[in-house]
Amino acid sequence: MAEITAAAMKQLREKTGAGMMECKNALVQAGGNEEKAVDILRERGLASAKKREGRIAAEGIVGSYIHMGGKVGVLVELNCETDFVARGEEFQQLVKDIAMHIAAAEPRYVSREDVPAEVLEKERDIARKQAKNEPKNANKPDQVIDKIVEGRLNKFYEETVLVDQPFVKAPEKTVGELVTEKVSKTGERIAIRRFTRYKMGEGLDKRDDDFGGEVAAMLK
């Protein structure tokens, strides 16, 4: 199979407007052939999503999800273009699914653009040091190290960025791909604007009680 390069993915993305992961998957399925990849994206309804990016998505709903007997809670705002779509069963289910995913997967950012520059630079620096410290990379040129670093940054995105995370109910697709599928079905722009995840007691200093030790101390 032909190597799927970042340049090929970027070029396909610019041509179709589909997300990077959708482009990668289409190129893999097409064996690296760009024209076939475009057809694959069109068949999935992903290539047309670009046309809707400029539209204003000011409607939508704020959905919630509570898990583990109230130990974890999520609020997420999902936007669309019309109240008609926002009130639809499919849109409402999408909000619930995304909120549940956030509760389970603990993303930190909505998109890659939301990752602060200093955080990204720190991750890049750590990835580079790790790569250079591995014996198997001792004699590899900087260009190879750069590719290793980018690969590890992609892994960082998959772990921390909501739209890049594998969807918990269907890991073969990302949350971003899930949203894009709904765009093609509704014909409207749909966007995850923001979310907040609460975990009971997070950030609080908790007592480290040793009941057995206290009883033993009292008996002495």
C-alpha atoms as a PDB file:
ATOM      1  CA  MET A   1       0.000   0.000   0.000  1.00  0.00           C
ATOM      2  CA  ALA A   2       1.262   3.488  -0.800  1.00  0.00           C
ATOM      3  CA  GLU A   3       2.480   5.603   2.114  1.00  0.00           C
ATOM      4  CA  ILE A   4      -0.133   8.131   3.238  1.00  0.00           C
ATOM      5  CA  THR A   5       1.810  11.349   3.774  1.00  0.00           C
ATOM      6  CA  ALA A   6       0.737  14.440   5.685  1.00  0.00           C
ATOM      7  CA  ALA A   7       1.091  16.433   2.457  1.00  0.00           C
ATOM      8  CA  ALA A   8      -1.345  14.122   0.654  1.00  0.00           C
ATOM      9  CA  MET A   9      -3.827  14.400   3.509  1.00  0.00           C
ATOM     10  CA  LYS A  10      -3.542  18.195   3.519  1.00  0.00           C
ATOM     11  CA  GLN A  11      -4.039  18.398  -0.242  1.00  0.00           C
ATOM     12  CA  LEU A  12      -7.130  16.203  -0.092  1.00  0.00           C
ATOM     13  CA  ARG A  13      -8.493  18.258   2.783  1.00  0.00           C
ATOM     14  CA  GLU A  14      -8.033  21.489   0.828  1.00  0.00           C
ATOM     15  CA  LYS A  15      -9.784  19.956  -2.171  1.00  0.00           C
ATOM     16  CA  THR A  16     -12.750  18.467  -0.310  1.00  0.00           C
ATOM     17  CA  GLY A  17     -13.039  20.337   2.969  1.00  0.00           C
ATOM     18  CA  ALA A  18     -13.253  17.043   4.886  1.00  0.00           C
ATOM     19  CA  GLY A  19     -11.403  16.589   8.191  1.00  0.00           C
ATOM     20  CA  MET A  20      -7.853  15.286   8.381  1.00  0.00           C
ATOM     21  CA  MET A  21      -8.872  11.911   9.799  1.00  0.00           C
ATOM     22  CA  GLU A  22     -11.583  11.488   7.170  1.00  0.00           C
ATOM     23  CA  CYS A  23      -8.999  12.292   4.475  1.00  0.00           C
ATOM     24  CA  LYS A  24      -6.524   9.822   5.923  1.00  0.00           C
ATOM     25  CA  ASN A  25      -9.106   7.040   6.093  1.00  0.00           C
ATOM     26  CA  ALA A  26     -10.255   7.738   2.531  1.00  0.00           C
ATOM     27  CA  LEU A  27      -6.668   7.697   1.224  1.00  0.00           C
ATOM     28  CA  VAL A  28      -5.972   4.423   3.033  1.00  0.00           C
ATOM     29  CA  GLN A  29      -9.119   2.883   1.549  1.00  0.00           C
ATOM     30  CA  ALA A  30      -8.170   4.231  -1.897  1.00  0.00           C
ATOM     31  CA  GLY A  31      -4.616   2.924  -1.668  1.00  0.00           C
ATOM     32  CA  GLY A  32      -3.229   6.460  -1.851  1.00  0.00           C
ATOM     33  CA  ASN A  33      -5.134   7.388  -5.025  1.00  0.00           C
ATOM     34  CA  GLU A  34      -6.428  10.929  -4.559  1.00  0.00           C
ATOM     35  CA  GLU A  35      -9.226  10.750  -7.151  1.00  0.00           C
ATOM     36  CA  LYS A  36     -10.611   7.574  -5.603  1.00  0.00           C
ATOM     37  CA  ALA A  37     -10.328   9.154  -2.162  1.00  0.00           C
ATOM     38  CA  VAL A  38     -12.387  12.134  -3.339  1.00  0.00           C
ATOM     39  CA  ASP A  39     -15.079   9.747  -4.612  1.00  0.00           C
ATOM     40  CA  ILE A  40     -15.082   7.906  -1.292  1.00  0.00           C
ATOM     41  CA  LEU A  41     -15.562  11.151   0.618  1.00  0.00           C
ATOM     42  CA  ARG A  42     -18.317  12.271  -1.738  1.00  0.00           C
ATOM     43  CA  GLU A  43     -20.125   8.961  -1.304  1.00  0.00           C
ATOM     44  CA  ARG A  44     -20.013   9.447   2.467  1.00  0.00           C
ATOM     45  CA  GLY A  45     -21.311  12.984   2.134  1.00  0.00           C
ATOM     46  CA  LEU A  46     -18.176  14.361   3.759  1.00  0.00           C
ATOM     47  CA  ALA A  47     -16.762  16.333   0.849  1.00  0.00           C
ATOM     48  CA  SER A  48     -19.713  18.708   0.779  1.00  0.00           C
ATOM     49  CA  ALA A  49     -19.368  19.756   4.415  1.00  0.00           C
ATOM     50  CA  LYS A  50     -16.930  22.491   3.385  1.00  0.00           C
ATOM     51  CA  LYS A  51     -19.768  24.411   1.728  1.00  0.00           C
ATOM     52  CA  ARG A  52     -21.458  24.822   5.090  1.00  0.00           C
ATOM     53  CA  GLU A  53     -18.462  26.020   7.087  1.00  0.00           C
ATOM     54  CA  GLY A  54     -19.155  29.690   6.366  1.00  0.00           C
ATOM     55  CA  ARG A  55     -22.747  29.547   7.539  1.00  0.00           C
ATOM     56  CA  ILE A  56     -23.746  30.926  10.926  1.00  0.00           C
ATOM     57  CA  ALA A  57     -24.666  28.250  13.478  1.00  0.00           C
ATOM     58  CA  ALA A  58     -26.379  30.272  16.198  1.00  0.00           C
ATOM     59  CA  GLU A  59     -29.108  27.810  17.189  1.00  0.00           C
ATOM     60  CA  GLY A  60     -28.683  24.566  19.073  1.00  0.00           C
ATOM     61  CA  ILE A  61     -28.939  23.292  22.626  1.00  0.00           C
ATOM     62  CA  VAL A  62     -26.930  22.816  25.793  1.00  0.00           C
ATOM     63  CA  GLY A  63     -27.046  19.155  26.733  1.00  0.00           C
ATOM     64  CA  SER A  64     -26.006  17.367  29.895  1.00  0.00           C
ATOM     65  CA  TYR A  65     -24.941  13.947  31.069  1.00  0.00           C
ATOM     66  CA  ILE A  66     -24.569  12.642  34.622  1.00  0.00           C
ATOM     67  CA  HIS A  67     -22.670   9.430  35.216  1.00  0.00           C
ATOM     68  CA  MET A  68     -21.647   7.134  38.074  1.00  0.00           C
ATOM     69  CA  GLY A  69     -24.357   8.155  40.525  1.00  0.00           C
ATOM     70  CA  GLY A  70     -23.554  11.833  40.263  1.00  0.00           C
ATOM     71  CA  LYS A  71     -19.757  11.488  40.417  1.00  0.00           C
ATOM     72  CA  VAL A  72     -19.182  12.888  36.907  1.00  0.00           C
ATOM     73  CA  GLY A  73     -21.232  15.514  35.065  1.00  0.00           C
ATOM     74  CA  VAL A  74     -20.939  17.177  31.651  1.00  0.00           C
ATOM     75  CA  LEU A  75     -22.441  20.242  29.973  1.00  0.00           C
ATOM     76  CA  VAL A  76     -21.890  20.658  26.235  1.00  0.00           C
ATOM     77  CA  GLU A  77     -23.126  23.277  23.762  1.00  0.00           C
ATOM     78  CA  LEU A  78     -23.821  22.016  20.266  1.00  0.00           C
ATOM     79  CA  ASN A  79     -24.791  24.566  17.606  1.00  0.00           C
ATOM     80  CA  CYS A  80     -26.705  24.275  14.343  1.00  0.00           C
ATOM     81  CA  GLU A  81     -28.347  26.733  11.943  1.00  0.00           C
ATOM     82  CA  THR A  82     -32.060  26.377  12.710  1.00  0.00           C
ATOM     83  CA  ASP A  83     -34.261  25.679  15.687  1.00  0.00           C
ATOM     84  CA  PHE A  84     -36.045  23.056  13.565  1.00  0.00           C
ATOM     85  CA  VAL A  85     -32.900  20.889  13.458  1.00  0.00           C
ATOM     86  CA  ALA A  86     -32.061  21.643  17.112  1.00  0.00           C
ATOM     87  CA  ARG A  87     -35.434  20.217  18.186  1.00  0.00           C
ATOM     88  CA  GLY A  88     -35.005  17.104  16.050  1.00  0.00           C
ATOM     89  CA  GLU A  89     -34.526  13.713  17.658  1.00  0.00           C
ATOM     90  CA  GLU A  90     -31.304  13.014  15.756  1.00  0.00           C
ATOM     91  CA  PHE A  91     -29.670  16.283  16.877  1.00  0.00           C
ATOM     92  CA  GLN A  92     -30.774  15.743  20.468  1.00  0.00           C
ATOM     93  CA  GLN A  93     -29.295  12.255  20.421  1.00  0.00           C
ATOM     94  CA  LEU A  94     -26.041  13.626  19.025  1.00  0.00           C
ATOM     95  CA  VAL A  95     -25.771  16.047  21.939  1.00  0.00           C
ATOM     96  CA  LYS A  96     -26.365  13.222  24.425  1.00  0.00           C
ATOM     97  CA  ASP A  97     -23.783  11.013  22.722  1.00  0.00           C
ATOM     98  CA  ILE A  98     -21.153  13.756  22.739  1.00  0.00           C
ATOM     99  CA  ALA A  99     -21.833  14.592  26.396  1.00  0.00           C
ATOM    100  CA  MET A 100     -21.537  10.912  27.330  1.00  0.00           C
ATOM    101  CA  HIS A 101     -18.306  10.651  25.339  1.00  0.00           C
ATOM    102  CA  ILE A 102     -16.842  13.647  27.192  1.00  0.00           C
ATOM    103  CA  ALA A 103     -17.711  12.034  30.529  1.00  0.00           C
ATOM    104  CA  ALA A 104     -15.910   8.844  29.521  1.00  0.00           C
ATOM    105  CA  ALA A 105     -12.943  10.128  27.492  1.00  0.00           C
ATOM    106  CA  GLU A 106     -12.029  13.297  29.442  1.00  0.00           C
ATOM    107  CA  PRO A 107     -11.002  15.565  26.534  1.00  0.00           C
ATOM    108  CA  ARG A 108      -9.348  18.874  27.414  1.00  0.00           C
ATOM    109  CA  TYR A 109     -10.021  20.850  24.227  1.00  0.00           C
ATOM    110  CA  VAL A 110     -12.717  20.968  21.538  1.00  0.00           C
ATOM    111  CA  SER A 111     -10.321  21.254  18.567  1.00  0.00           C
ATOM    112  CA  ARG A 112      -6.605  21.413  17.819  1.00  0.00           C
ATOM    113  CA  GLU A 113      -6.888  25.182  17.448  1.00  0.00           C
ATOM    114  CA  ASP A 114      -7.924  25.387  21.106  1.00  0.00           C
ATOM    115  CA  VAL A 115      -4.677  23.851  22.376  1.00  0.00           C
ATOM    116  CA  PRO A 116      -2.573  26.713  23.840  1.00  0.00           C
ATOM    117  CA  ALA A 117       0.706  27.313  22.005  1.00  0.00           C
ATOM    118  CA  GLU A 118       2.737  26.812  25.191  1.00  0.00           C
ATOM    119  CA  VAL A 119       1.083  23.436  25.852  1.00  0.00           C
ATOM    120  CA  LEU A 120       1.762  22.277  22.302  1.00  0.00           C
ATOM    121  CA  GLU A 121       5.367  23.469  22.449  1.00  0.00           C
ATOM    122  CA  LYS A 122       5.898  21.624  25.727  1.00  0.00           C
ATOM    123  CA  GLU A 123       4.466  18.404  24.268  1.00  0.00           C
ATOM    124  CA  ARG A 124       6.635  18.806  21.161  1.00  0.00           C
ATOM    125  CA  ASP A 125       9.747  19.330  23.300  1.00  0.00           C
ATOM    126  CA  ILE A 126       9.001  16.264  25.431  1.00  0.00           C
ATOM    127  CA  ALA A 127       8.308  14.130  22.343  1.00  0.00           C
ATOM    128  CA  ARG A 128      11.584  15.226  20.744  1.00  0.00           C
ATOM    129  CA  LYS A 129      13.625  14.467  23.867  1.00  0.00           C
ATOM    130  CA  GLN A 130      11.974  11.070  24.230  1.00  0.00           C
ATOM    131  CA  ALA A 131      12.653  10.215  20.592  1.00  0.00           C
ATOM    132  CA  LYS A 132      16.298  11.238  20.791  1.00  0.00           C
ATOM    133  CA  ASN A 133      16.828   9.310  24.038  1.00  0.00           C
ATOM    134  CA  GLU A 134      15.620   6.033  22.535  1.00  0.00           C
ATOM    135  CA  PRO A 135      18.608   3.883  21.484  1.00  0.00           C
ATOM    136  CA  LYS A 136      16.915   2.780  18.249  1.00  0.00           C
ATOM    137  CA  ASN A 137      16.838   6.430  17.103  1.00  0.00           C
ATOM    138  CA  ALA A 138      20.466   7.212  17.959  1.00  0.00           C
ATOM    139  CA  ASN A 139      21.699   7.562  14.381  1.00  0.00           C
ATOM    140  CA  LYS A 140      18.526   8.737  12.712  1.00  0.00           C
ATOM    141  CA  PRO A 141      18.567  12.128  10.909  1.00  0.00           C
ATOM    142  CA  ASP A 142      16.539  15.116  12.129  1.00  0.00           C
ATOM    143  CA  GLN A 143      13.926  14.624   9.391  1.00  0.00           C
ATOM    144  CA  VAL A 144      13.100  11.178  10.778  1.00  0.00           C
ATOM    145  CA  ILE A 145      12.991  12.511  14.345  1.00  0.00           C
ATOM    146  CA  ASP A 146      10.613  15.230  13.150  1.00  0.00           C
ATOM    147  CA  LYS A 147       8.238  12.591  11.748  1.00  0.00           C
ATOM    148  CA  ILE A 148       8.381  10.664  15.026  1.00  0.00           C
ATOM    149  CA  VAL A 149       7.602  13.868  16.931  1.00  0.00           C
ATOM    150  CA  GLU A 150       4.626  14.677  14.686  1.00  0.00           C
ATOM    151  CA  GLY A 151       3.327  11.144  15.140  1.00  0.00           C
ATOM    152  CA  ARG A 152       3.468  11.528  18.912  1.00  0.00           C
ATOM    153  CA  LEU A 153       1.765  14.910  18.709  1.00  0.00           C
ATOM    154  CA  ASN A 154      -1.045  13.274  16.729  1.00  0.00           C
ATOM    155  CA  LYS A 155      -1.328  10.765  19.557  1.00  0.00           C
ATOM    156  CA  PHE A 156      -1.531  13.675  22.008  1.00  0.00           C
ATOM    157  CA  TYR A 157      -4.359  15.178  19.941  1.00  0.00           C
ATOM    158  CA  GLU A 158      -6.211  11.852  19.887  1.00  0.00           C
ATOM    159  CA  GLU A 159      -6.021  11.702  23.672  1.00  0.00           C
ATOM    160  CA  THR A 160      -6.901  15.307  24.534  1.00  0.00           C
ATOM    161  CA  VAL A 161      -8.823  16.922  21.639  1.00  0.00           C
ATOM    162  CA  LEU A 162     -12.538  16.099  21.515  1.00  0.00           C
ATOM    163  CA  VAL A 163     -13.031  16.032  17.739  1.00  0.00           C
ATOM    164  CA  ASP A 164      -9.907  13.857  17.274  1.00  0.00           C
ATOM    165  CA  GLN A 165     -10.854  11.256  19.875  1.00  0.00           C
ATOM    166  CA  PRO A 166     -12.280   7.885  18.791  1.00  0.00           C
ATOM    167  CA  PHE A 167     -16.003   7.986  19.569  1.00  0.00           C
ATOM    168  CA  VAL A 168     -16.637   5.748  22.588  1.00  0.00           C
ATOM    169  CA  LYS A 169     -19.727   4.086  21.094  1.00  0.00           C
ATOM    170  CA  ALA A 170     -18.052   3.461  17.708  1.00  0.00           C
ATOM    171  CA  PRO A 171     -14.233   3.706  17.978  1.00  0.00           C
ATOM    172  CA  GLU A 172     -13.771   3.234  14.222  1.00  0.00           C
ATOM    173  CA  LYS A 173     -14.782   6.881  13.783  1.00  0.00           C
ATOM    174  CA  THR A 174     -13.767  10.083  15.556  1.00  0.00           C
ATOM    175  CA  VAL A 175     -16.139  12.502  17.245  1.00  0.00           C
ATOM    176  CA  GLY A 176     -15.360  14.929  14.427  1.00  0.00           C
ATOM    177  CA  GLU A 177     -16.392  12.345  11.840  1.00  0.00           C
ATOM    178  CA  LEU A 178     -19.578  11.669  13.798  1.00  0.00           C
ATOM    179  CA  VAL A 179     -20.480  15.362  13.630  1.00  0.00           C
ATOM    180  CA  THR A 180     -19.630  15.534   9.915  1.00  0.00           C
ATOM    181  CA  GLU A 181     -21.972  12.619   9.233  1.00  0.00           C
ATOM    182  CA  LYS A 182     -24.793  14.544  10.900  1.00  0.00           C
ATOM    183  CA  VAL A 183     -23.928  17.624   8.812  1.00  0.00           C
ATOM    184  CA  SER A 184     -24.450  15.608   5.634  1.00  0.00           C
ATOM    185  CA  LYS A 185     -27.767  14.244   6.928  1.00  0.00           C
ATOM    186  CA  THR A 186     -29.253  17.506   8.200  1.00  0.00           C
ATOM    187  CA  GLY A 187     -27.842  19.764   5.489  1.00  0.00           C
ATOM    188  CA  GLU A 188     -26.851  22.271   8.170  1.00  0.00           C
ATOM    189  CA  ARG A 189     -23.616  23.314   9.735  1.00  0.00           C
ATOM    190  CA  ILE A 190     -23.175  21.666  13.147  1.00  0.00           C
ATOM    191  CA  ALA A 191     -20.419  22.703  15.538  1.00  0.00           C
ATOM    192  CA  ILE A 192     -19.347  21.791  19.055  1.00  0.00           C
ATOM    193  CA  ARG A 193     -18.816  25.184  20.667  1.00  0.00           C
ATOM    194  CA  ARG A 194     -17.704  24.369  24.215  1.00  0.00           C
ATOM    195  CA  PHE A 195     -18.013  21.905  27.061  1.00  0.00           C
ATOM    196  CA  THR A 196     -17.384  21.606  30.781  1.00  0.00           C
ATOM    197  CA  ARG A 197     -16.670  18.363  32.606  1.00  0.00           C
ATOM    198  CA  TYR A 198     -17.113  18.120  36.362  1.00  0.00           C
ATOM    199  CA  LYS A 199     -15.764  15.347  38.559  1.00  0.00           C
ATOM    200  CA  MET A 200     -16.947  15.223  42.166  1.00  0.00           C
ATOM    201  CA  GLY A 201     -14.193  16.331  44.550  1.00  0.00           C
ATOM    202  CA  GLU A 202     -11.723  17.135  41.768  1.00  0.00           C
ATOM    203  CA  GLY A 203      -9.076  19.581  43.000  1.00  0.00           C
ATOM    204  CA  LEU A 204     -10.025  19.237  46.660  1.00  0.00           C
ATOM    205  CA  ASP A 205      -7.698  17.992  49.371  1.00  0.00           C
ATOM    206  CA  LYS A 206      -9.295  14.898  50.809  1.00  0.00           C
ATOM    207  CA  ARG A 207      -8.873  13.526  54.307  1.00  0.00           C
ATOM    208  CA  ASP A 208      -6.737  10.440  54.543  1.00  0.00           C
ATOM    209  CA  ASP A 209      -8.557   8.792  57.405  1.00  0.00           C
ATOM    210  CA  ASP A 210      -7.135   5.676  59.025  1.00  0.00           C
ATOM    211  CA  PHE A 211     -10.021   4.530  61.176  1.00  0.00           C
ATOM    212  CA  GLY A 212      -8.257   1.334  62.231  1.00  0.00           C
ATOM    213  CA  GLY A 213      -5.172   3.309  63.275  1.00  0.00           C
ATOM    214  CA  GLU A 214      -7.242   5.755  65.262  1.00  0.00           C
ATOM    215  CA  VAL A 215      -8.925   2.915  67.190  1.00  0.00           C
ATOM    216  CA  ALA A 216      -5.562   1.280  67.879  1.00  0.00           C
ATOM    217  CA  ALA A 217      -4.135   4.586  69.140  1.00  0.00           C
ATOM    218  CA  MET A 218      -7.088   5.075  71.477  1.00  0.00           C
ATOM    219  CA  LEU A 219      -6.717   1.582  72.948  1.00  0.00           C
ATOM    220  CA  LYS A 220      -3.076   2.305  73.787  1.00  0.00           C
END
